[in-house]
N, C-alpha and C. Protein backbone atom coordinates (compact mmCIF):
# COMPACT_ATOMS: atom_id res chain seq x y z
N UNK A 1 -5.30 -16.73 1.69
CA UNK A 1 -4.84 -15.44 1.15
C UNK A 1 -5.68 -14.31 1.75
N UNK A 2 -5.07 -13.36 2.45
CA UNK A 2 -5.84 -12.25 3.03
C UNK A 2 -6.51 -11.42 1.94
N UNK A 3 -7.83 -11.30 1.99
CA UNK A 3 -8.56 -10.60 0.95
C UNK A 3 -8.63 -9.10 1.17
N UNK A 4 -8.20 -8.64 2.36
CA UNK A 4 -8.19 -7.21 2.62
C UNK A 4 -6.83 -6.58 2.42
N UNK A 5 -5.87 -7.37 1.92
CA UNK A 5 -4.55 -6.84 1.65
C UNK A 5 -3.63 -6.80 2.85
N UNK A 6 -4.06 -7.39 3.98
CA UNK A 6 -3.23 -7.33 5.17
C UNK A 6 -2.06 -8.31 5.10
N UNK A 7 -1.31 -8.38 6.17
CA UNK A 7 -0.09 -9.20 6.21
C UNK A 7 -0.41 -10.68 5.99
N UNK A 8 0.38 -11.31 5.13
CA UNK A 8 0.21 -12.73 4.86
C UNK A 8 0.83 -13.54 6.01
N UNK A 9 0.19 -14.65 6.42
CA UNK A 9 0.74 -15.45 7.53
C UNK A 9 2.16 -15.94 7.31
N UNK A 10 2.55 -16.09 6.05
CA UNK A 10 3.90 -16.60 5.78
C UNK A 10 4.99 -15.65 6.25
N UNK A 11 4.67 -14.35 6.35
CA UNK A 11 5.69 -13.38 6.78
C UNK A 11 6.10 -13.66 8.22
N UNK A 12 5.12 -13.77 9.11
CA UNK A 12 5.43 -14.06 10.51
C UNK A 12 6.13 -15.39 10.67
N UNK A 13 5.70 -16.38 9.88
CA UNK A 13 6.30 -17.72 9.97
C UNK A 13 7.77 -17.69 9.55
N UNK A 14 8.05 -17.09 8.38
CA UNK A 14 9.41 -17.12 7.87
C UNK A 14 10.36 -16.23 8.67
N UNK A 15 9.89 -15.08 9.10
CA UNK A 15 10.77 -14.23 9.90
C UNK A 15 11.04 -14.87 11.26
N UNK A 16 10.03 -15.56 11.81
CA UNK A 16 10.25 -16.31 13.05
C UNK A 16 11.22 -17.46 12.83
N UNK A 17 11.12 -18.10 11.68
CA UNK A 17 12.04 -19.19 11.34
C UNK A 17 13.48 -18.68 11.27
N UNK A 18 13.66 -17.50 10.67
CA UNK A 18 15.00 -16.94 10.58
C UNK A 18 15.58 -16.65 11.96
N UNK A 19 14.76 -16.08 12.83
CA UNK A 19 15.24 -15.81 14.20
C UNK A 19 15.63 -17.09 14.91
N UNK A 20 14.80 -18.12 14.75
CA UNK A 20 15.09 -19.41 15.38
C UNK A 20 16.37 -20.02 14.81
N UNK A 21 16.53 -19.93 13.51
CA UNK A 21 17.71 -20.47 12.86
C UNK A 21 18.98 -19.80 13.37
N UNK A 22 18.91 -18.48 13.55
CA UNK A 22 20.10 -17.74 13.98
C UNK A 22 20.40 -17.95 15.47
N UNK A 23 19.39 -18.38 16.23
CA UNK A 23 19.65 -18.69 17.64
C UNK A 23 20.36 -20.03 17.79
N UNK A 24 20.27 -20.86 16.77
CA UNK A 24 20.90 -22.19 16.81
C UNK A 24 22.05 -22.23 15.81
N UNK A 25 23.08 -21.50 16.13
CA UNK A 25 24.15 -21.28 15.16
C UNK A 25 25.02 -22.51 14.92
N UNK A 26 25.13 -23.39 15.91
CA UNK A 26 26.01 -24.55 15.72
C UNK A 26 25.51 -25.41 14.57
N UNK A 27 24.22 -25.83 14.56
CA UNK A 27 23.74 -26.59 13.39
C UNK A 27 23.86 -25.79 12.10
N UNK A 28 23.67 -24.47 12.20
CA UNK A 28 23.76 -23.64 11.00
C UNK A 28 25.17 -23.65 10.43
N UNK A 29 26.17 -23.63 11.30
CA UNK A 29 27.55 -23.69 10.83
C UNK A 29 27.82 -24.98 10.07
N UNK A 30 27.24 -26.10 10.56
CA UNK A 30 27.43 -27.37 9.86
C UNK A 30 26.76 -27.34 8.49
N UNK A 31 25.59 -26.69 8.42
CA UNK A 31 24.88 -26.59 7.14
C UNK A 31 25.69 -25.78 6.14
N UNK A 32 26.30 -24.69 6.62
CA UNK A 32 27.02 -23.80 5.73
C UNK A 32 28.45 -24.24 5.46
N UNK A 33 28.96 -25.16 6.25
CA UNK A 33 30.36 -25.58 6.13
C UNK A 33 30.64 -26.11 4.73
N UNK A 34 31.68 -25.58 4.15
CA UNK A 34 32.09 -26.04 2.83
C UNK A 34 31.32 -25.42 1.69
N UNK A 35 30.33 -24.59 2.00
CA UNK A 35 29.55 -23.96 0.95
C UNK A 35 30.07 -22.58 0.61
N UNK A 36 29.43 -21.95 -0.35
CA UNK A 36 29.84 -20.62 -0.79
C UNK A 36 29.14 -19.51 -0.02
N UNK A 37 28.11 -19.86 0.77
CA UNK A 37 27.34 -18.85 1.47
C UNK A 37 27.78 -18.70 2.91
N UNK A 38 27.62 -17.48 3.42
CA UNK A 38 27.77 -17.26 4.85
C UNK A 38 26.40 -16.91 5.41
N UNK A 39 26.35 -16.64 6.71
CA UNK A 39 25.06 -16.34 7.35
C UNK A 39 24.36 -15.16 6.69
N UNK A 40 25.12 -14.10 6.45
CA UNK A 40 24.51 -12.87 5.93
C UNK A 40 23.88 -13.09 4.56
N UNK A 41 24.60 -13.75 3.67
CA UNK A 41 24.07 -13.96 2.32
C UNK A 41 22.88 -14.92 2.35
N UNK A 42 22.91 -15.90 3.28
CA UNK A 42 21.79 -16.83 3.39
C UNK A 42 20.53 -16.11 3.85
N UNK A 43 20.66 -15.27 4.88
CA UNK A 43 19.51 -14.53 5.40
C UNK A 43 18.95 -13.60 4.33
N UNK A 44 19.84 -12.88 3.64
CA UNK A 44 19.40 -11.95 2.60
C UNK A 44 18.67 -12.69 1.48
N UNK A 45 19.20 -13.85 1.10
CA UNK A 45 18.57 -14.62 0.02
C UNK A 45 17.21 -15.15 0.44
N UNK A 46 17.10 -15.63 1.68
CA UNK A 46 15.82 -16.17 2.14
C UNK A 46 14.75 -15.07 2.19
N UNK A 47 15.13 -13.89 2.64
CA UNK A 47 14.16 -12.79 2.66
C UNK A 47 13.76 -12.39 1.24
N UNK A 48 14.72 -12.39 0.33
CA UNK A 48 14.41 -12.08 -1.07
C UNK A 48 13.44 -13.11 -1.66
N UNK A 49 13.62 -14.37 -1.29
CA UNK A 49 12.70 -15.42 -1.76
C UNK A 49 11.29 -15.19 -1.21
N UNK A 50 11.21 -14.78 0.06
CA UNK A 50 9.91 -14.47 0.65
C UNK A 50 9.25 -13.31 -0.08
N UNK A 51 10.03 -12.28 -0.38
CA UNK A 51 9.48 -11.12 -1.09
C UNK A 51 8.97 -11.50 -2.48
N UNK A 52 9.72 -12.36 -3.16
CA UNK A 52 9.30 -12.80 -4.50
C UNK A 52 8.02 -13.62 -4.42
N UNK A 53 7.91 -14.46 -3.38
CA UNK A 53 6.70 -15.27 -3.21
C UNK A 53 5.48 -14.38 -2.95
N UNK A 54 5.68 -13.31 -2.19
CA UNK A 54 4.58 -12.38 -1.92
C UNK A 54 4.15 -11.65 -3.19
N UNK A 55 5.11 -11.29 -4.02
CA UNK A 55 4.77 -10.66 -5.30
C UNK A 55 3.89 -11.60 -6.12
N UNK A 56 4.25 -12.88 -6.14
CA UNK A 56 3.44 -13.85 -6.88
C UNK A 56 2.04 -13.96 -6.31
N UNK A 57 1.94 -13.98 -4.98
CA UNK A 57 0.63 -14.11 -4.33
C UNK A 57 -0.24 -12.89 -4.57
N UNK A 58 0.38 -11.73 -4.70
CA UNK A 58 -0.40 -10.51 -4.90
C UNK A 58 -1.19 -10.55 -6.21
N UNK A 59 -0.72 -11.33 -7.17
CA UNK A 59 -1.41 -11.42 -8.45
C UNK A 59 -2.79 -12.04 -8.32
N UNK A 60 -3.04 -12.76 -7.22
CA UNK A 60 -4.34 -13.40 -7.02
C UNK A 60 -5.40 -12.42 -6.55
N UNK A 61 -5.00 -11.22 -6.15
CA UNK A 61 -5.96 -10.23 -5.66
C UNK A 61 -6.66 -9.55 -6.83
N UNK A 62 -7.92 -9.22 -6.62
CA UNK A 62 -8.77 -8.80 -7.73
C UNK A 62 -8.44 -7.41 -8.27
N UNK A 63 -8.01 -6.49 -7.41
CA UNK A 63 -7.87 -5.09 -7.82
C UNK A 63 -6.41 -4.66 -7.77
N UNK A 64 -5.95 -3.93 -8.78
CA UNK A 64 -4.55 -3.46 -8.79
C UNK A 64 -4.19 -2.66 -7.54
N UNK A 65 -5.09 -1.80 -7.08
CA UNK A 65 -4.80 -1.01 -5.88
C UNK A 65 -4.64 -1.88 -4.66
N UNK A 66 -5.43 -2.94 -4.57
CA UNK A 66 -5.34 -3.85 -3.43
C UNK A 66 -4.01 -4.60 -3.46
N UNK A 67 -3.52 -4.91 -4.64
CA UNK A 67 -2.21 -5.57 -4.74
C UNK A 67 -1.11 -4.67 -4.17
N UNK A 68 -1.22 -3.37 -4.43
CA UNK A 68 -0.22 -2.45 -3.89
C UNK A 68 -0.32 -2.35 -2.37
N UNK A 69 -1.54 -2.34 -1.85
CA UNK A 69 -1.73 -2.30 -0.40
C UNK A 69 -1.18 -3.57 0.24
N UNK A 70 -1.42 -4.70 -0.40
CA UNK A 70 -0.90 -5.98 0.10
C UNK A 70 0.62 -5.96 0.17
N UNK A 71 1.27 -5.51 -0.89
CA UNK A 71 2.72 -5.47 -0.90
C UNK A 71 3.25 -4.43 0.09
N UNK A 72 2.55 -3.33 0.24
CA UNK A 72 2.94 -2.32 1.22
C UNK A 72 2.90 -2.89 2.63
N UNK A 73 1.79 -3.55 2.97
CA UNK A 73 1.66 -4.14 4.31
C UNK A 73 2.74 -5.17 4.58
N UNK A 74 2.99 -6.04 3.62
CA UNK A 74 3.91 -7.14 3.86
C UNK A 74 5.37 -6.70 3.83
N UNK A 75 5.70 -5.75 2.98
CA UNK A 75 7.06 -5.21 3.00
C UNK A 75 7.32 -4.50 4.32
N UNK A 76 6.33 -3.75 4.80
CA UNK A 76 6.46 -3.08 6.09
C UNK A 76 6.66 -4.10 7.21
N UNK A 77 5.91 -5.20 7.16
CA UNK A 77 6.03 -6.23 8.20
C UNK A 77 7.41 -6.89 8.18
N UNK A 78 7.94 -7.13 6.99
CA UNK A 78 9.27 -7.73 6.88
C UNK A 78 10.33 -6.80 7.45
N UNK A 79 10.25 -5.52 7.09
CA UNK A 79 11.22 -4.55 7.60
C UNK A 79 11.11 -4.44 9.11
N UNK A 80 9.89 -4.39 9.61
CA UNK A 80 9.69 -4.27 11.06
C UNK A 80 10.30 -5.46 11.80
N UNK A 81 10.06 -6.66 11.30
CA UNK A 81 10.61 -7.86 11.94
C UNK A 81 12.13 -7.87 11.87
N UNK A 82 12.68 -7.47 10.73
CA UNK A 82 14.13 -7.50 10.55
C UNK A 82 14.82 -6.48 11.44
N UNK A 83 14.25 -5.28 11.51
CA UNK A 83 14.88 -4.21 12.29
C UNK A 83 14.79 -4.50 13.79
N UNK A 84 13.69 -5.09 14.22
CA UNK A 84 13.52 -5.37 15.65
C UNK A 84 14.39 -6.53 16.12
N UNK A 85 14.83 -7.35 15.20
CA UNK A 85 15.66 -8.50 15.57
C UNK A 85 17.13 -8.16 15.33
N UNK A 86 17.90 -8.06 16.41
CA UNK A 86 19.32 -7.78 16.26
C UNK A 86 20.01 -8.88 15.46
N UNK A 87 19.56 -10.12 15.69
CA UNK A 87 20.20 -11.26 15.01
C UNK A 87 20.05 -11.16 13.50
N UNK A 88 18.88 -10.69 13.04
CA UNK A 88 18.66 -10.56 11.60
C UNK A 88 19.25 -9.24 11.09
N UNK A 89 18.94 -8.16 11.80
CA UNK A 89 19.34 -6.84 11.33
C UNK A 89 20.83 -6.68 11.12
N UNK A 90 21.64 -7.29 12.00
CA UNK A 90 23.08 -7.12 11.90
C UNK A 90 23.68 -7.85 10.69
N UNK A 91 22.90 -8.77 10.10
CA UNK A 91 23.41 -9.54 8.97
C UNK A 91 23.00 -8.95 7.62
N UNK A 92 22.08 -8.01 7.64
CA UNK A 92 21.60 -7.45 6.37
C UNK A 92 22.58 -6.40 5.85
N UNK A 93 22.70 -6.30 4.54
CA UNK A 93 23.68 -5.36 3.96
C UNK A 93 23.29 -3.91 4.20
N UNK A 94 24.25 -3.00 4.16
CA UNK A 94 23.94 -1.57 4.31
C UNK A 94 22.94 -1.12 3.25
N UNK A 95 21.99 -0.33 3.67
CA UNK A 95 21.00 0.17 2.72
C UNK A 95 19.83 -0.75 2.48
N UNK A 96 19.83 -1.93 3.12
CA UNK A 96 18.74 -2.88 2.89
C UNK A 96 17.40 -2.28 3.31
N UNK A 97 17.33 -1.75 4.52
CA UNK A 97 16.07 -1.18 5.00
C UNK A 97 15.67 0.04 4.17
N UNK A 98 16.65 0.87 3.81
CA UNK A 98 16.36 2.05 3.00
C UNK A 98 15.77 1.69 1.65
N UNK A 99 16.28 0.61 1.06
CA UNK A 99 15.75 0.17 -0.23
C UNK A 99 14.30 -0.26 -0.10
N UNK A 100 13.96 -0.90 1.02
CA UNK A 100 12.56 -1.31 1.24
C UNK A 100 11.66 -0.11 1.51
N UNK A 101 12.20 0.90 2.18
CA UNK A 101 11.42 2.12 2.39
C UNK A 101 11.09 2.77 1.04
N UNK A 102 12.07 2.81 0.15
CA UNK A 102 11.82 3.37 -1.18
C UNK A 102 10.80 2.52 -1.94
N UNK A 103 10.89 1.21 -1.76
CA UNK A 103 9.94 0.32 -2.42
C UNK A 103 8.52 0.59 -1.92
N UNK A 104 8.39 0.82 -0.61
CA UNK A 104 7.07 1.10 -0.04
C UNK A 104 6.51 2.42 -0.57
N UNK A 105 7.38 3.40 -0.73
CA UNK A 105 6.94 4.67 -1.32
C UNK A 105 6.43 4.44 -2.74
N UNK A 106 7.08 3.54 -3.46
CA UNK A 106 6.62 3.19 -4.80
C UNK A 106 5.26 2.51 -4.79
N UNK A 107 5.03 1.64 -3.81
CA UNK A 107 3.72 0.99 -3.70
C UNK A 107 2.63 2.03 -3.45
N UNK A 108 2.94 3.02 -2.61
CA UNK A 108 1.95 4.07 -2.34
C UNK A 108 1.67 4.87 -3.60
N UNK A 109 2.72 5.23 -4.34
CA UNK A 109 2.52 5.99 -5.58
C UNK A 109 1.67 5.20 -6.57
N UNK A 110 1.97 3.90 -6.71
CA UNK A 110 1.22 3.08 -7.65
C UNK A 110 -0.23 2.90 -7.20
N UNK A 111 -0.43 2.77 -5.89
CA UNK A 111 -1.79 2.67 -5.36
C UNK A 111 -2.59 3.93 -5.69
N UNK A 112 -1.99 5.09 -5.48
CA UNK A 112 -2.68 6.34 -5.79
C UNK A 112 -2.97 6.45 -7.29
N UNK A 113 -2.03 6.00 -8.10
CA UNK A 113 -2.18 6.10 -9.55
C UNK A 113 -3.35 5.26 -10.05
N UNK A 114 -3.46 4.02 -9.55
CA UNK A 114 -4.49 3.13 -10.08
C UNK A 114 -5.84 3.30 -9.37
N UNK A 115 -5.83 3.78 -8.13
CA UNK A 115 -7.06 3.83 -7.35
C UNK A 115 -7.70 5.21 -7.29
N UNK A 116 -6.88 6.26 -7.30
CA UNK A 116 -7.43 7.60 -7.06
C UNK A 116 -7.20 8.59 -8.20
N UNK A 117 -6.17 8.41 -9.00
CA UNK A 117 -5.99 9.30 -10.15
C UNK A 117 -7.20 9.25 -11.09
N UNK A 118 -7.80 8.06 -11.35
CA UNK A 118 -9.00 8.05 -12.19
C UNK A 118 -10.17 8.80 -11.57
N UNK A 119 -10.26 8.79 -10.24
CA UNK A 119 -11.34 9.52 -9.57
C UNK A 119 -11.15 11.03 -9.76
N UNK A 120 -9.94 11.50 -9.50
CA UNK A 120 -9.64 12.93 -9.64
C UNK A 120 -9.81 13.38 -11.09
N UNK A 121 -9.50 12.50 -12.03
CA UNK A 121 -9.59 12.87 -13.45
C UNK A 121 -11.01 13.22 -13.87
N UNK A 122 -12.01 12.75 -13.12
CA UNK A 122 -13.40 13.08 -13.45
C UNK A 122 -13.65 14.59 -13.37
N UNK A 123 -12.87 15.27 -12.57
CA UNK A 123 -13.05 16.72 -12.43
C UNK A 123 -12.62 17.48 -13.67
N UNK A 124 -11.91 16.80 -14.56
CA UNK A 124 -11.47 17.45 -15.79
C UNK A 124 -12.44 17.29 -16.94
N UNK A 125 -13.57 16.62 -16.69
CA UNK A 125 -14.54 16.39 -17.75
C UNK A 125 -15.29 17.64 -18.13
N UNK A 126 -15.90 17.62 -19.30
CA UNK A 126 -16.70 18.75 -19.77
C UNK A 126 -18.12 18.28 -20.05
N UNK A 127 -19.11 18.93 -19.48
CA UNK A 127 -20.49 18.54 -19.76
C UNK A 127 -20.77 18.56 -21.25
N UNK A 128 -21.44 17.52 -21.72
CA UNK A 128 -21.81 17.48 -23.13
C UNK A 128 -20.78 16.81 -24.01
N UNK A 129 -19.63 16.42 -23.47
CA UNK A 129 -18.63 15.74 -24.28
C UNK A 129 -19.18 14.41 -24.75
N UNK A 130 -18.67 13.92 -25.88
CA UNK A 130 -19.22 12.70 -26.47
C UNK A 130 -18.82 11.45 -25.69
N UNK A 131 -17.69 11.51 -24.99
CA UNK A 131 -17.26 10.35 -24.22
C UNK A 131 -18.34 9.98 -23.22
N UNK A 132 -18.74 8.71 -23.19
CA UNK A 132 -19.85 8.28 -22.33
C UNK A 132 -19.57 8.55 -20.86
N UNK A 133 -18.29 8.47 -20.48
CA UNK A 133 -17.96 8.70 -19.08
C UNK A 133 -18.13 10.16 -18.69
N UNK A 134 -18.20 11.05 -19.69
CA UNK A 134 -18.20 12.47 -19.39
C UNK A 134 -19.48 13.18 -19.85
N UNK A 135 -20.52 12.43 -20.07
CA UNK A 135 -21.79 13.06 -20.42
C UNK A 135 -22.41 13.72 -19.19
N UNK A 136 -22.09 13.20 -18.02
CA UNK A 136 -22.59 13.79 -16.79
C UNK A 136 -21.74 15.00 -16.42
N UNK A 137 -22.28 15.81 -15.54
CA UNK A 137 -21.50 16.94 -15.04
C UNK A 137 -20.26 16.41 -14.34
N UNK A 138 -19.10 17.06 -14.53
CA UNK A 138 -17.87 16.56 -13.90
C UNK A 138 -17.99 16.34 -12.40
N UNK A 139 -18.71 17.22 -11.71
CA UNK A 139 -18.83 17.07 -10.26
C UNK A 139 -19.64 15.82 -9.91
N UNK A 140 -20.70 15.55 -10.67
CA UNK A 140 -21.49 14.34 -10.43
C UNK A 140 -20.66 13.10 -10.73
N UNK A 141 -19.90 13.15 -11.82
CA UNK A 141 -19.05 12.01 -12.17
C UNK A 141 -17.99 11.78 -11.10
N UNK A 142 -17.44 12.86 -10.58
CA UNK A 142 -16.43 12.74 -9.52
C UNK A 142 -17.03 12.10 -8.27
N UNK A 143 -18.18 12.60 -7.82
CA UNK A 143 -18.77 12.07 -6.59
C UNK A 143 -19.15 10.60 -6.75
N UNK A 144 -19.62 10.23 -7.92
CA UNK A 144 -19.96 8.83 -8.16
C UNK A 144 -18.71 7.96 -8.09
N UNK A 145 -17.63 8.41 -8.74
CA UNK A 145 -16.38 7.65 -8.72
C UNK A 145 -15.79 7.61 -7.31
N UNK A 146 -15.91 8.71 -6.59
CA UNK A 146 -15.40 8.78 -5.21
C UNK A 146 -16.13 7.78 -4.32
N UNK A 147 -17.44 7.76 -4.41
CA UNK A 147 -18.22 6.83 -3.59
C UNK A 147 -17.92 5.38 -3.95
N UNK A 148 -17.78 5.11 -5.24
CA UNK A 148 -17.46 3.75 -5.67
C UNK A 148 -16.10 3.31 -5.13
N UNK A 149 -15.12 4.22 -5.19
CA UNK A 149 -13.78 3.89 -4.70
C UNK A 149 -13.80 3.63 -3.20
N UNK A 150 -14.50 4.48 -2.45
CA UNK A 150 -14.58 4.29 -1.00
C UNK A 150 -15.29 2.99 -0.66
N UNK A 151 -16.38 2.69 -1.37
CA UNK A 151 -17.14 1.47 -1.09
C UNK A 151 -16.30 0.23 -1.39
N UNK A 152 -15.58 0.26 -2.51
CA UNK A 152 -14.76 -0.88 -2.89
C UNK A 152 -13.64 -1.13 -1.89
N UNK A 153 -13.12 -0.05 -1.30
CA UNK A 153 -11.96 -0.17 -0.43
C UNK A 153 -12.32 -0.28 1.05
N UNK A 154 -13.61 -0.36 1.35
CA UNK A 154 -14.04 -0.43 2.74
C UNK A 154 -13.40 -1.59 3.49
N UNK A 155 -13.26 -2.73 2.83
CA UNK A 155 -12.71 -3.91 3.49
C UNK A 155 -11.20 -4.02 3.43
N UNK A 156 -10.53 -3.06 2.79
CA UNK A 156 -9.07 -3.12 2.72
C UNK A 156 -8.49 -2.71 4.06
N UNK A 157 -7.41 -3.36 4.46
CA UNK A 157 -6.91 -3.15 5.81
C UNK A 157 -5.41 -2.86 5.81
N UNK A 158 -5.04 -1.86 6.61
CA UNK A 158 -3.63 -1.56 6.89
C UNK A 158 -3.47 -1.61 8.40
N UNK A 159 -2.94 -2.71 8.94
CA UNK A 159 -2.91 -2.89 10.40
C UNK A 159 -2.02 -1.88 11.14
N UNK A 160 -0.92 -1.48 10.54
CA UNK A 160 0.00 -0.56 11.22
C UNK A 160 -0.63 0.83 11.32
N UNK A 161 -0.80 1.36 12.53
CA UNK A 161 -1.39 2.70 12.67
C UNK A 161 -0.59 3.78 11.94
N UNK A 162 0.73 3.68 12.00
CA UNK A 162 1.57 4.69 11.34
C UNK A 162 1.41 4.61 9.83
N UNK A 163 1.50 3.41 9.30
CA UNK A 163 1.36 3.22 7.85
C UNK A 163 -0.04 3.59 7.39
N UNK A 164 -1.04 3.24 8.18
CA UNK A 164 -2.42 3.59 7.84
C UNK A 164 -2.60 5.11 7.78
N UNK A 165 -2.03 5.80 8.75
CA UNK A 165 -2.11 7.26 8.74
C UNK A 165 -1.40 7.87 7.55
N UNK A 166 -0.23 7.31 7.21
CA UNK A 166 0.51 7.83 6.05
C UNK A 166 -0.27 7.62 4.76
N UNK A 167 -0.91 6.46 4.63
CA UNK A 167 -1.64 6.17 3.40
C UNK A 167 -2.89 7.04 3.30
N UNK A 168 -3.58 7.22 4.41
CA UNK A 168 -4.75 8.11 4.40
C UNK A 168 -4.34 9.53 4.02
N UNK A 169 -3.22 9.99 4.57
CA UNK A 169 -2.75 11.32 4.25
C UNK A 169 -2.42 11.45 2.77
N UNK A 170 -1.79 10.41 2.21
CA UNK A 170 -1.44 10.45 0.79
C UNK A 170 -2.69 10.52 -0.08
N UNK A 171 -3.72 9.76 0.28
CA UNK A 171 -4.97 9.80 -0.49
C UNK A 171 -5.62 11.18 -0.36
N UNK A 172 -5.68 11.68 0.87
CA UNK A 172 -6.29 12.98 1.11
C UNK A 172 -5.58 14.08 0.34
N UNK A 173 -4.25 14.04 0.32
CA UNK A 173 -3.49 15.08 -0.37
C UNK A 173 -3.60 14.96 -1.89
N UNK A 174 -4.02 13.80 -2.37
CA UNK A 174 -4.26 13.62 -3.80
C UNK A 174 -5.65 14.11 -4.20
N UNK A 175 -6.64 13.82 -3.37
CA UNK A 175 -8.03 14.06 -3.74
C UNK A 175 -8.53 15.44 -3.31
N UNK A 176 -8.34 15.79 -2.05
CA UNK A 176 -8.99 16.99 -1.50
C UNK A 176 -8.50 18.28 -2.15
N UNK A 177 -7.19 18.51 -2.32
CA UNK A 177 -6.77 19.76 -2.98
C UNK A 177 -7.30 19.88 -4.41
N UNK A 178 -7.34 18.76 -5.14
CA UNK A 178 -7.88 18.80 -6.51
C UNK A 178 -9.36 19.19 -6.49
N UNK A 179 -10.07 18.67 -5.51
CA UNK A 179 -11.50 18.99 -5.37
C UNK A 179 -11.68 20.46 -5.03
N UNK A 180 -10.86 20.96 -4.12
CA UNK A 180 -10.95 22.38 -3.75
C UNK A 180 -10.63 23.28 -4.94
N UNK A 181 -9.61 22.90 -5.71
CA UNK A 181 -9.25 23.72 -6.88
C UNK A 181 -10.41 23.77 -7.87
N UNK A 182 -11.07 22.64 -8.04
CA UNK A 182 -12.21 22.62 -8.96
C UNK A 182 -13.31 23.56 -8.47
N UNK A 183 -13.63 23.48 -7.18
CA UNK A 183 -14.68 24.34 -6.64
C UNK A 183 -14.30 25.82 -6.72
N UNK A 184 -13.02 26.11 -6.48
CA UNK A 184 -12.57 27.51 -6.57
C UNK A 184 -12.67 28.02 -8.01
N UNK A 185 -12.44 27.12 -8.97
CA UNK A 185 -12.47 27.52 -10.38
C UNK A 185 -13.89 27.57 -10.93
N UNK A 186 -14.84 27.00 -10.19
CA UNK A 186 -16.23 26.97 -10.66
C UNK A 186 -17.15 27.45 -9.53
N UNK A 187 -17.08 28.73 -9.21
CA UNK A 187 -17.91 29.26 -8.11
C UNK A 187 -19.41 29.15 -8.38
N UNK A 188 -19.77 28.93 -9.64
CA UNK A 188 -21.19 28.83 -9.98
C UNK A 188 -21.79 27.48 -9.58
N UNK A 189 -20.93 26.52 -9.23
CA UNK A 189 -21.40 25.18 -8.91
C UNK A 189 -21.98 25.15 -7.50
N UNK A 190 -23.16 24.58 -7.37
CA UNK A 190 -23.76 24.38 -6.05
C UNK A 190 -23.31 23.03 -5.50
N UNK A 191 -22.62 23.07 -4.38
CA UNK A 191 -22.13 21.83 -3.76
C UNK A 191 -23.22 21.29 -2.84
N UNK A 192 -23.68 20.06 -3.08
CA UNK A 192 -24.72 19.49 -2.22
C UNK A 192 -24.25 19.39 -0.77
N UNK A 193 -25.18 19.41 0.14
CA UNK A 193 -24.86 19.26 1.56
C UNK A 193 -24.16 17.92 1.79
N UNK A 194 -23.14 17.95 2.62
CA UNK A 194 -22.40 16.74 2.94
C UNK A 194 -21.35 16.36 1.93
N UNK A 195 -21.11 17.24 0.94
CA UNK A 195 -20.12 16.93 -0.08
C UNK A 195 -19.05 18.01 -0.19
N UNK A 196 -18.81 18.70 0.91
CA UNK A 196 -17.74 19.67 0.93
C UNK A 196 -16.39 18.98 1.06
N UNK A 197 -15.33 19.77 0.96
CA UNK A 197 -13.98 19.21 1.01
C UNK A 197 -13.70 18.50 2.33
N UNK A 198 -14.17 19.08 3.43
CA UNK A 198 -13.91 18.46 4.73
C UNK A 198 -14.68 17.15 4.90
N UNK A 199 -15.87 17.08 4.29
CA UNK A 199 -16.62 15.82 4.34
C UNK A 199 -15.88 14.73 3.57
N UNK A 200 -15.28 15.11 2.43
CA UNK A 200 -14.48 14.14 1.69
C UNK A 200 -13.30 13.66 2.54
N UNK A 201 -12.65 14.60 3.19
CA UNK A 201 -11.51 14.24 4.03
C UNK A 201 -11.94 13.29 5.15
N UNK A 202 -13.12 13.53 5.71
CA UNK A 202 -13.60 12.67 6.78
C UNK A 202 -13.84 11.25 6.27
N UNK A 203 -14.43 11.13 5.08
CA UNK A 203 -14.65 9.80 4.51
C UNK A 203 -13.32 9.08 4.30
N UNK A 204 -12.34 9.80 3.81
CA UNK A 204 -11.03 9.19 3.54
C UNK A 204 -10.33 8.77 4.83
N UNK A 205 -10.64 9.47 5.92
CA UNK A 205 -10.01 9.12 7.20
C UNK A 205 -10.54 7.82 7.78
N UNK A 206 -11.56 7.25 7.14
CA UNK A 206 -12.13 5.99 7.61
C UNK A 206 -11.63 4.78 6.81
N UNK A 207 -10.78 5.03 5.83
CA UNK A 207 -10.28 3.93 5.00
C UNK A 207 -9.28 3.07 5.77
N UNK A 208 -9.13 1.85 5.29
CA UNK A 208 -8.08 0.90 5.71
C UNK A 208 -8.26 0.35 7.12
N UNK A 209 -9.50 0.39 7.61
CA UNK A 209 -9.77 -0.24 8.91
C UNK A 209 -10.09 -1.73 8.75
N UNK A 210 -10.45 -2.13 7.53
CA UNK A 210 -10.77 -3.54 7.28
C UNK A 210 -12.18 -3.90 7.68
């Protein structure tokens, strides 16, 4: 099981198996003869089974955010393999790829919700509040949570350069504007060296290398 959330080996194996199966159509016709399924429904069902198996495997990962990254990587890999293969792509129903794109957007939203919304929420704290998490100054609590999140996610990997860039951008657009708004609203706060908004953006640009 990939511990950095990257593509599971079963994806390459099963998508390769589908391509091989479709190249040998004569035996496939004998398998399907007399049954209720045709090639298209068989391919769609097999991919759905693979997706369900990946969902089950994601439960073994320790962190909720990592589970979302794992599903994002593997759904992207399935779509990429299917679209690049004419033999597979022509058999998939209309809207199949679009539905997976929407699913990937959902994985990104859920990843941001569980991994970064709690970090940003530290900026809403009030010094002196009774809640133990908010006894520290909000800015100190934020930087501590930010560093912990970055450290925890150092080993997480998104192999696709395009997907990696999109995910970094999504994190940056969640964290950096909120940080800037806080600083603009609290001009009395002294920001330590190396903790400006651009420094945060630079740290986030190093995520997902594995």
